[in-house]
C-alpha atoms as a PDB file:
ATOM      1  CA  MET A   1      29.298   5.212 -11.738  1.00  0.00           C
ATOM      2  CA  PHE A   2      25.836   5.386 -13.347  1.00  0.00           C
ATOM      3  CA  GLY A   3      27.499   6.126 -16.685  1.00  0.00           C
ATOM      4  CA  THR A   4      25.715   3.525 -18.816  1.00  0.00           C
ATOM      5  CA  GLY A   5      22.257   2.974 -20.131  1.00  0.00           C
ATOM      6  CA  ASP A   6      22.207  -0.557 -18.698  1.00  0.00           C
ATOM      7  CA  ARG A   7      22.528   0.761 -15.189  1.00  0.00           C
ATOM      8  CA  PHE A   8      19.772   3.271 -15.741  1.00  0.00           C
ATOM      9  CA  GLU A   9      17.628   0.529 -17.248  1.00  0.00           C
ATOM     10  CA  ARG A  10      17.973  -1.401 -13.996  1.00  0.00           C
ATOM     11  CA  GLN A  11      17.322   1.797 -12.078  1.00  0.00           C
ATOM     12  CA  GLY A  12      14.298   2.440 -14.282  1.00  0.00           C
ATOM     13  CA  ARG A  13      12.756  -0.893 -13.349  1.00  0.00           C
ATOM     14  CA  SER A  14      13.120  -0.025  -9.671  1.00  0.00           C
ATOM     15  CA  VAL A  15      11.463   3.390  -9.943  1.00  0.00           C
ATOM     16  CA  ARG A  16       8.470   2.401 -12.054  1.00  0.00           C
ATOM     17  CA  ARG A  17       6.445   1.788  -8.915  1.00  0.00           C
ATOM     18  CA  SER A  18       7.714   4.854  -7.102  1.00  0.00           C
ATOM     19  CA  ALA A  19       7.093   8.604  -7.171  1.00  0.00           C
ATOM     20  CA  PHE A  20       7.964   8.970 -10.845  1.00  0.00           C
ATOM     21  CA  ILE A  21       5.281   9.442 -13.430  1.00  0.00           C
ATOM     22  CA  GLU A  22       4.676   7.120 -16.347  1.00  0.00           C
ATOM     23  CA  GLY A  23       7.233   7.417 -19.107  1.00  0.00           C
ATOM     24  CA  PHE A  24      10.027   8.995 -17.060  1.00  0.00           C
ATOM     25  CA  PRO A  25      11.949   5.829 -16.076  1.00  0.00           C
ATOM     26  CA  GLU A  26      12.110   4.758 -19.734  1.00  0.00           C
ATOM     27  CA  TYR A  27      13.225   8.244 -20.722  1.00  0.00           C
ATOM     28  CA  LEU A  28      16.151   7.998 -18.277  1.00  0.00           C
ATOM     29  CA  THR A  29      17.605   4.997 -20.124  1.00  0.00           C
ATOM     30  CA  HIS A  30      17.812   7.057 -23.326  1.00  0.00           C
ATOM     31  CA  GLU A  31      19.042  10.268 -21.704  1.00  0.00           C
ATOM     32  CA  ALA A  32      22.012   8.344 -20.311  1.00  0.00           C
ATOM     33  CA  ARG A  33      23.143   7.499 -23.882  1.00  0.00           C
ATOM     34  CA  ALA A  34      22.121  10.604 -25.846  1.00  0.00           C
ATOM     35  CA  ALA A  35      24.660  12.468 -27.957  1.00  0.00           C
ATOM     36  CA  GLU A  36      22.671  15.703 -27.682  1.00  0.00           C
ATOM     37  CA  ILE A  37      20.175  16.824 -25.044  1.00  0.00           C
ATOM     38  CA  ARG A  38      17.876  19.787 -25.579  1.00  0.00           C
ATOM     39  CA  LEU A  39      15.500  20.800 -22.840  1.00  0.00           C
ATOM     40  CA  PHE A  40      13.040  23.481 -21.897  1.00  0.00           C
ATOM     41  CA  GLU A  41      11.774  23.978 -18.348  1.00  0.00           C
ATOM     42  CA  VAL A  42       9.214  26.213 -16.676  1.00  0.00           C
ATOM     43  CA  GLY A  43       8.841  27.063 -12.995  1.00  0.00           C
ATOM     44  CA  VAL A  44      11.880  25.306 -11.560  1.00  0.00           C
ATOM     45  CA  ILE A  45      15.528  24.767 -12.440  1.00  0.00           C
ATOM     46  CA  PRO A  46      15.744  21.530 -14.472  1.00  0.00           C
ATOM     47  CA  GLY A  47      16.954  18.474 -12.610  1.00  0.00           C
ATOM     48  CA  LEU A  48      20.116  18.154 -14.687  1.00  0.00           C
ATOM     49  CA  LEU A  49      21.257  21.535 -13.318  1.00  0.00           C
ATOM     50  CA  GLN A  50      19.930  21.409  -9.747  1.00  0.00           C
ATOM     51  CA  THR A  51      22.193  21.474  -6.723  1.00  0.00           C
ATOM     52  CA  SER A  52      21.415  18.813  -4.132  1.00  0.00           C
ATOM     53  CA  GLU A  53      20.144  21.515  -1.753  1.00  0.00           C
ATOM     54  CA  TYR A  54      17.785  22.921  -4.373  1.00  0.00           C
ATOM     55  CA  ALA A  55      16.479  19.445  -5.206  1.00  0.00           C
ATOM     56  CA  THR A  56      16.013  18.608  -1.522  1.00  0.00           C
ATOM     57  CA  THR A  57      14.065  21.817  -0.861  1.00  0.00           C
ATOM     58  CA  LEU A  58      11.864  21.219  -3.894  1.00  0.00           C
ATOM     59  CA  GLU A  59      10.992  17.668  -2.867  1.00  0.00           C
ATOM     60  CA  ALA A  60      10.536  18.616   0.788  1.00  0.00           C
ATOM     61  CA  ASP A  61       7.693  20.882  -0.249  1.00  0.00           C
ATOM     62  CA  ALA A  62       6.069  18.000  -2.137  1.00  0.00           C
ATOM     63  CA  VAL A  63       6.267  16.002   1.103  1.00  0.00           C
ATOM     64  CA  ARG A  64       4.728  18.900   3.027  1.00  0.00           C
ATOM     65  CA  ARG A  65       1.810  18.866   0.585  1.00  0.00           C
ATOM     66  CA  ARG A  66       1.591  15.082   0.998  1.00  0.00           C
ATOM     67  CA  ALA A  67       2.043  14.633  -2.725  1.00  0.00           C
ATOM     68  CA  ILE A  68       4.851  12.138  -2.068  1.00  0.00           C
ATOM     69  CA  THR A  69       6.356  10.339   0.915  1.00  0.00           C
ATOM     70  CA  PRO A  70       9.706  11.230   2.514  1.00  0.00           C
ATOM     71  CA  GLU A  71      11.113   8.023   1.022  1.00  0.00           C
ATOM     72  CA  GLN A  72       9.950   9.020  -2.446  1.00  0.00           C
ATOM     73  CA  ALA A  73      11.443  12.479  -1.973  1.00  0.00           C
ATOM     74  CA  ALA A  74      14.815  10.939  -1.126  1.00  0.00           C
ATOM     75  CA  GLU A  75      14.547   8.726  -4.199  1.00  0.00           C
ATOM     76  CA  ARG A  76      13.881  11.725  -6.430  1.00  0.00           C
ATOM     77  CA  VAL A  77      16.875  13.619  -5.059  1.00  0.00           C
ATOM     78  CA  GLU A  78      19.060  10.563  -5.572  1.00  0.00           C
ATOM     79  CA  ILE A  79      17.952  10.232  -9.193  1.00  0.00           C
ATOM     80  CA  VAL A  80      18.825  13.899  -9.827  1.00  0.00           C
ATOM     81  CA  ALA A  81      22.398  13.164  -8.749  1.00  0.00           C
ATOM     82  CA  ARG A  82      22.555   9.998 -10.830  1.00  0.00           C
ATOM     83  CA  ARG A  83      21.260  11.756 -13.937  1.00  0.00           C
ATOM     84  CA  GLN A  84      23.923  14.423 -13.549  1.00  0.00           C
ATOM     85  CA  ALA A  85      26.594  11.727 -13.157  1.00  0.00           C
ATOM     86  CA  THR A  86      25.713  10.235 -16.550  1.00  0.00           C
ATOM     87  CA  LEU A  87      26.625  13.543 -18.223  1.00  0.00           C
ATOM     88  CA  ASP A  88      30.279  12.953 -17.353  1.00  0.00           C
ATOM     89  CA  ARG A  89      30.963  10.498 -20.141  1.00  0.00           C
ATOM     90  CA  THR A  90      33.043  10.231 -23.307  1.00  0.00           C
ATOM     91  CA  PRO A  91      32.229  11.778 -25.646  1.00  0.00           C
ATOM     92  CA  LEU A  92      30.531  14.551 -23.711  1.00  0.00           C
ATOM     93  CA  PRO A  93      26.930  15.122 -24.782  1.00  0.00           C
ATOM     94  CA  LEU A  94      25.990  18.467 -26.274  1.00  0.00           C
ATOM     95  CA  ILE A  95      23.467  20.068 -23.883  1.00  0.00           C
ATOM     96  CA  HIS A  96      21.180  22.956 -24.803  1.00  0.00           C
ATOM     97  CA  VAL A  97      19.070  24.347 -21.953  1.00  0.00           C
ATOM     98  CA  VAL A  98      16.374  27.000 -22.226  1.00  0.00           C
ATOM     99  CA  ILE A  99      14.680  27.960 -18.970  1.00  0.00           C
ATOM    100  CA  ASP A 100      11.700  30.217 -18.513  1.00  0.00           C
ATOM    101  CA  GLU A 101      12.552  33.416 -16.647  1.00  0.00           C
ATOM    102  CA  GLY A 102      10.352  32.251 -13.759  1.00  0.00           C
ATOM    103  CA  CYS A 103      12.827  29.426 -13.043  1.00  0.00           C
ATOM    104  CA  ILE A 104      15.461  31.847 -11.779  1.00  0.00           C
ATOM    105  CA  TYR A 105      13.097  34.284 -10.065  1.00  0.00           C
ATOM    106  CA  ARG A 106      11.371  31.621  -7.975  1.00  0.00           C
ATOM    107  CA  PRO A 107      13.222  31.380  -4.632  1.00  0.00           C
ATOM    108  CA  MET A 108      14.003  27.901  -3.392  1.00  0.00           C
ATOM    109  CA  GLY A 109      15.538  27.485   0.053  1.00  0.00           C
ATOM    110  CA  THR A 110      17.747  30.043   1.759  1.00  0.00           C
ATOM    111  CA  PRO A 111      19.505  32.935  -0.034  1.00  0.00           C
ATOM    112  CA  GLN A 112      22.764  31.012   0.371  1.00  0.00           C
ATOM    113  CA  GLU A 113      21.242  27.956  -1.299  1.00  0.00           C
ATOM    114  CA  MET A 114      19.912  30.054  -4.170  1.00  0.00           C
ATOM    115  CA  ARG A 115      23.341  31.645  -4.573  1.00  0.00           C
ATOM    116  CA  ALA A 116      24.849  28.168  -4.843  1.00  0.00           C
ATOM    117  CA  GLN A 117      22.218  27.300  -7.451  1.00  0.00           C
ATOM    118  CA  PHE A 118      23.061  30.402  -9.447  1.00  0.00           C
ATOM    119  CA  ASP A 119      26.742  29.443  -9.226  1.00  0.00           C
ATOM    120  CA  ARG A 120      25.834  26.031 -10.642  1.00  0.00           C
ATOM    121  CA  LEU A 121      24.043  27.632 -13.601  1.00  0.00           C
ATOM    122  CA  LEU A 122      26.926  29.986 -14.283  1.00  0.00           C
ATOM    123  CA  ALA A 123      29.434  27.129 -14.153  1.00  0.00           C
ATOM    124  CA  PHE A 124      27.285  25.124 -16.561  1.00  0.00           C
ATOM    125  CA  ALA A 125      27.251  28.027 -19.024  1.00  0.00           C
ATOM    126  CA  GLU A 126      31.070  28.086 -19.009  1.00  0.00           C
ATOM    127  CA  GLU A 127      31.392  24.521 -20.269  1.00  0.00           C
ATOM    128  CA  PRO A 128      32.446  24.099 -23.928  1.00  0.00           C
ATOM    129  CA  HIS A 129      29.679  21.580 -24.693  1.00  0.00           C
ATOM    130  CA  THR A 130      26.751  23.518 -23.195  1.00  0.00           C
ATOM    131  CA  LEU A 131      24.429  26.376 -24.032  1.00  0.00           C
ATOM    132  CA  LEU A 132      22.223  28.117 -21.455  1.00  0.00           C
ATOM    133  CA  GLN A 133      19.496  30.580 -22.394  1.00  0.00           C
ATOM    134  CA  VAL A 134      16.682  32.300 -20.528  1.00  0.00           C
ATOM    135  CA  ALA A 135      13.293  32.679 -22.209  1.00  0.00           C
ATOM    136  CA  PRO A 136      12.154  36.074 -20.875  1.00  0.00           C
ATOM    137  CA  PHE A 137       8.589  36.882 -19.873  1.00  0.00           C
ATOM    138  CA  ALA A 138       8.632  39.471 -22.659  1.00  0.00           C
ATOM    139  CA  MET A 139       8.455  36.663 -25.222  1.00  0.00           C
ATOM    140  CA  GLY A 140       4.767  36.397 -24.404  1.00  0.00           C
ATOM    141  CA  PRO A 141       2.913  34.250 -26.964  1.00  0.00           C
ATOM    142  CA  ARG A 142       6.092  33.752 -29.006  1.00  0.00           C
ATOM    143  CA  ARG A 143       7.228  31.106 -26.525  1.00  0.00           C
ATOM    144  CA  PRO A 144       6.207  27.874 -28.303  1.00  0.00           C
ATOM    145  CA  PHE A 145       6.049  25.585 -25.255  1.00  0.00           C
ATOM    146  CA  SER A 146       4.068  25.826 -22.032  1.00  0.00           C
ATOM    147  CA  LEU A 147       5.213  22.535 -20.480  1.00  0.00           C
ATOM    148  CA  PRO A 148       8.633  20.968 -19.871  1.00  0.00           C
ATOM    149  CA  LEU A 149      10.148  19.317 -22.929  1.00  0.00           C
ATOM    150  CA  TYR A 150      13.227  17.193 -23.620  1.00  0.00           C
ATOM    151  CA  ILE A 151      14.522  16.348 -27.093  1.00  0.00           C
ATOM    152  CA  LEU A 152      17.264  13.757 -27.466  1.00  0.00           C
ATOM    153  CA  THR A 153      19.538  13.087 -30.411  1.00  0.00           C
ATOM    154  CA  MET A 154      20.890   9.577 -30.049  1.00  0.00           C
ATOM    155  CA  PRO A 155      24.342   8.398 -31.224  1.00  0.00           C
ATOM    156  CA  ASP A 156      22.785   7.052 -34.447  1.00  0.00           C
ATOM    157  CA  ARG A 157      21.241  10.546 -35.006  1.00  0.00           C
ATOM    158  CA  SER A 158      17.701   9.319 -34.376  1.00  0.00           C
ATOM    159  CA  LEU A 159      15.436  11.655 -32.426  1.00  0.00           C
ATOM    160  CA  MET A 160      13.096  11.219 -29.517  1.00  0.00           C
ATOM    161  CA  SER A 161      11.214  13.580 -27.259  1.00  0.00           C
ATOM    162  CA  TYR A 162       9.779  13.481 -23.779  1.00  0.00           C
ATOM    163  CA  ALA A 163       7.023  15.847 -22.703  1.00  0.00           C
ATOM    164  CA  GLU A 164       5.586  15.977 -19.217  1.00  0.00           C
ATOM    165  CA  SER A 165       2.397  17.196 -17.595  1.00  0.00           C
ATOM    166  CA  ALA A 166       1.472  17.051 -13.932  1.00  0.00           C
ATOM    167  CA  GLN A 167       0.317  13.436 -14.118  1.00  0.00           C
ATOM    168  CA  HIS A 168       1.749  11.952 -17.297  1.00  0.00           C
ATOM    169  CA  GLY A 169       4.942  11.768 -19.306  1.00  0.00           C
ATOM    170  CA  GLN A 170       5.013  10.824 -22.976  1.00  0.00           C
ATOM    171  CA  LEU A 171       8.034   9.494 -24.821  1.00  0.00           C
ATOM    172  CA  GLU A 172       7.967   9.725 -28.609  1.00  0.00           C
ATOM    173  CA  ARG A 173      10.518   8.230 -30.954  1.00  0.00           C
ATOM    174  CA  GLU A 174      11.496   9.343 -34.447  1.00  0.00           C
ATOM    175  CA  SER A 175       8.352  10.805 -35.974  1.00  0.00           C
ATOM    176  CA  ALA A 176       7.023  13.864 -37.744  1.00  0.00           C
ATOM    177  CA  SER A 177       5.848  15.259 -34.400  1.00  0.00           C
ATOM    178  CA  VAL A 178       9.376  15.053 -32.916  1.00  0.00           C
ATOM    179  CA  VAL A 179      10.775  16.896 -35.919  1.00  0.00           C
ATOM    180  CA  ARG A 180       8.138  19.597 -35.481  1.00  0.00           C
ATOM    181  CA  MET A 181       9.076  19.962 -31.816  1.00  0.00           C
ATOM    182  CA  LEU A 182      12.757  20.248 -32.733  1.00  0.00           C
ATOM    183  CA  THR A 183      11.887  22.993 -35.211  1.00  0.00           C
ATOM    184  CA  ALA A 184       9.884  24.798 -32.532  1.00  0.00           C
ATOM    185  CA  TYR A 185      12.818  24.413 -30.140  1.00  0.00           C
ATOM    186  CA  HIS A 186      15.126  26.120 -32.620  1.00  0.00           C
ATOM    187  CA  GLN A 187      12.574  28.934 -32.878  1.00  0.00           C
ATOM    188  CA  LEU A 188      12.523  29.153 -29.069  1.00  0.00           C
ATOM    189  CA  GLN A 189      16.299  29.520 -29.012  1.00  0.00           C
ATOM    190  CA  ALA A 190      16.159  32.266 -31.631  1.00  0.00           C
ATOM    191  CA  GLU A 191      13.650  34.239 -29.522  1.00  0.00           C
ATOM    192  CA  ALA A 192      15.268  33.577 -26.115  1.00  0.00           C
ATOM    193  CA  LEU A 193      18.036  35.721 -24.680  1.00  0.00           C
ATOM    194  CA  PRO A 194      21.543  34.896 -25.963  1.00  0.00           C
ATOM    195  CA  GLN A 195      23.748  33.103 -23.471  1.00  0.00           C
ATOM    196  CA  ALA A 196      25.711  36.262 -22.605  1.00  0.00           C
ATOM    197  CA  ALA A 197      22.533  38.166 -21.731  1.00  0.00           C
ATOM    198  CA  SER A 198      21.164  35.149 -19.867  1.00  0.00           C
ATOM    199  CA  VAL A 199      24.341  34.877 -17.792  1.00  0.00           C
ATOM    200  CA  ALA A 200      24.165  38.615 -17.023  1.00  0.00           C
ATOM    201  CA  MET A 201      20.601  38.194 -15.753  1.00  0.00           C
ATOM    202  CA  ILE A 202      21.618  35.286 -13.509  1.00  0.00           C
ATOM    203  CA  GLU A 203      24.662  37.158 -12.203  1.00  0.00           C
ATOM    204  CA  LYS A 204      22.450  40.102 -11.270  1.00  0.00           C
ATOM    205  CA  LEU A 205      20.113  37.841  -9.298  1.00  0.00           C
ATOM    206  CA  ARG A 206      23.090  36.151  -7.655  1.00  0.00           C
ATOM    207  CA  LYS A 207      24.377  39.516  -6.397  1.00  0.00           C
ATOM    208  CA  ALA A 208      20.977  40.144  -4.795  1.00  0.00           C
ATOM    209  CA  THR A 209      21.525  37.087  -2.553  1.00  0.00           C
ATOM    210  CA  LEU A 210      24.730  38.468  -1.035  1.00  0.00           C
END
């Protein structure tokens, strides 16, 4: 279910007039087919790794602030689940995730819900086709990105990127700027904590929720 680009293309048409910002529905159609997914996130756990409880709590706060409607919140949570479902395909996509340290220190929901979210991150890190790293605060100005970023390598090895601000998302296909962002992403990975150290940091925070 929801394992093909065609289905996400239909889904994309239905969400264009919803709570999603410009560019994101089109991005979904490509993410569902990508051979490699590289992403960087600040502030919150990225949608591809969120538990349903974490996603629900996040969107409930947007409703409280009247940024979106309850119906739009439900739609966003549903899309999180559908995006995650597309990752279970053959062949499995290679997924590199770098999250800012603030993503794991920001509480979301109850301690039990945060513990479940930490469990989800730790399980992700155990997969043979994934890499999870934390970009520590100590990186300071060496962190090359300040906004969320996704870089996709498609089955034909072409590249595209998706960058998002508060009000706008921009999808770029094969270009010199995408190559530069990929280079910067590799530099980010070199500066971020290795996966073993990142997992140790998450495990320590998980123990604090017990």
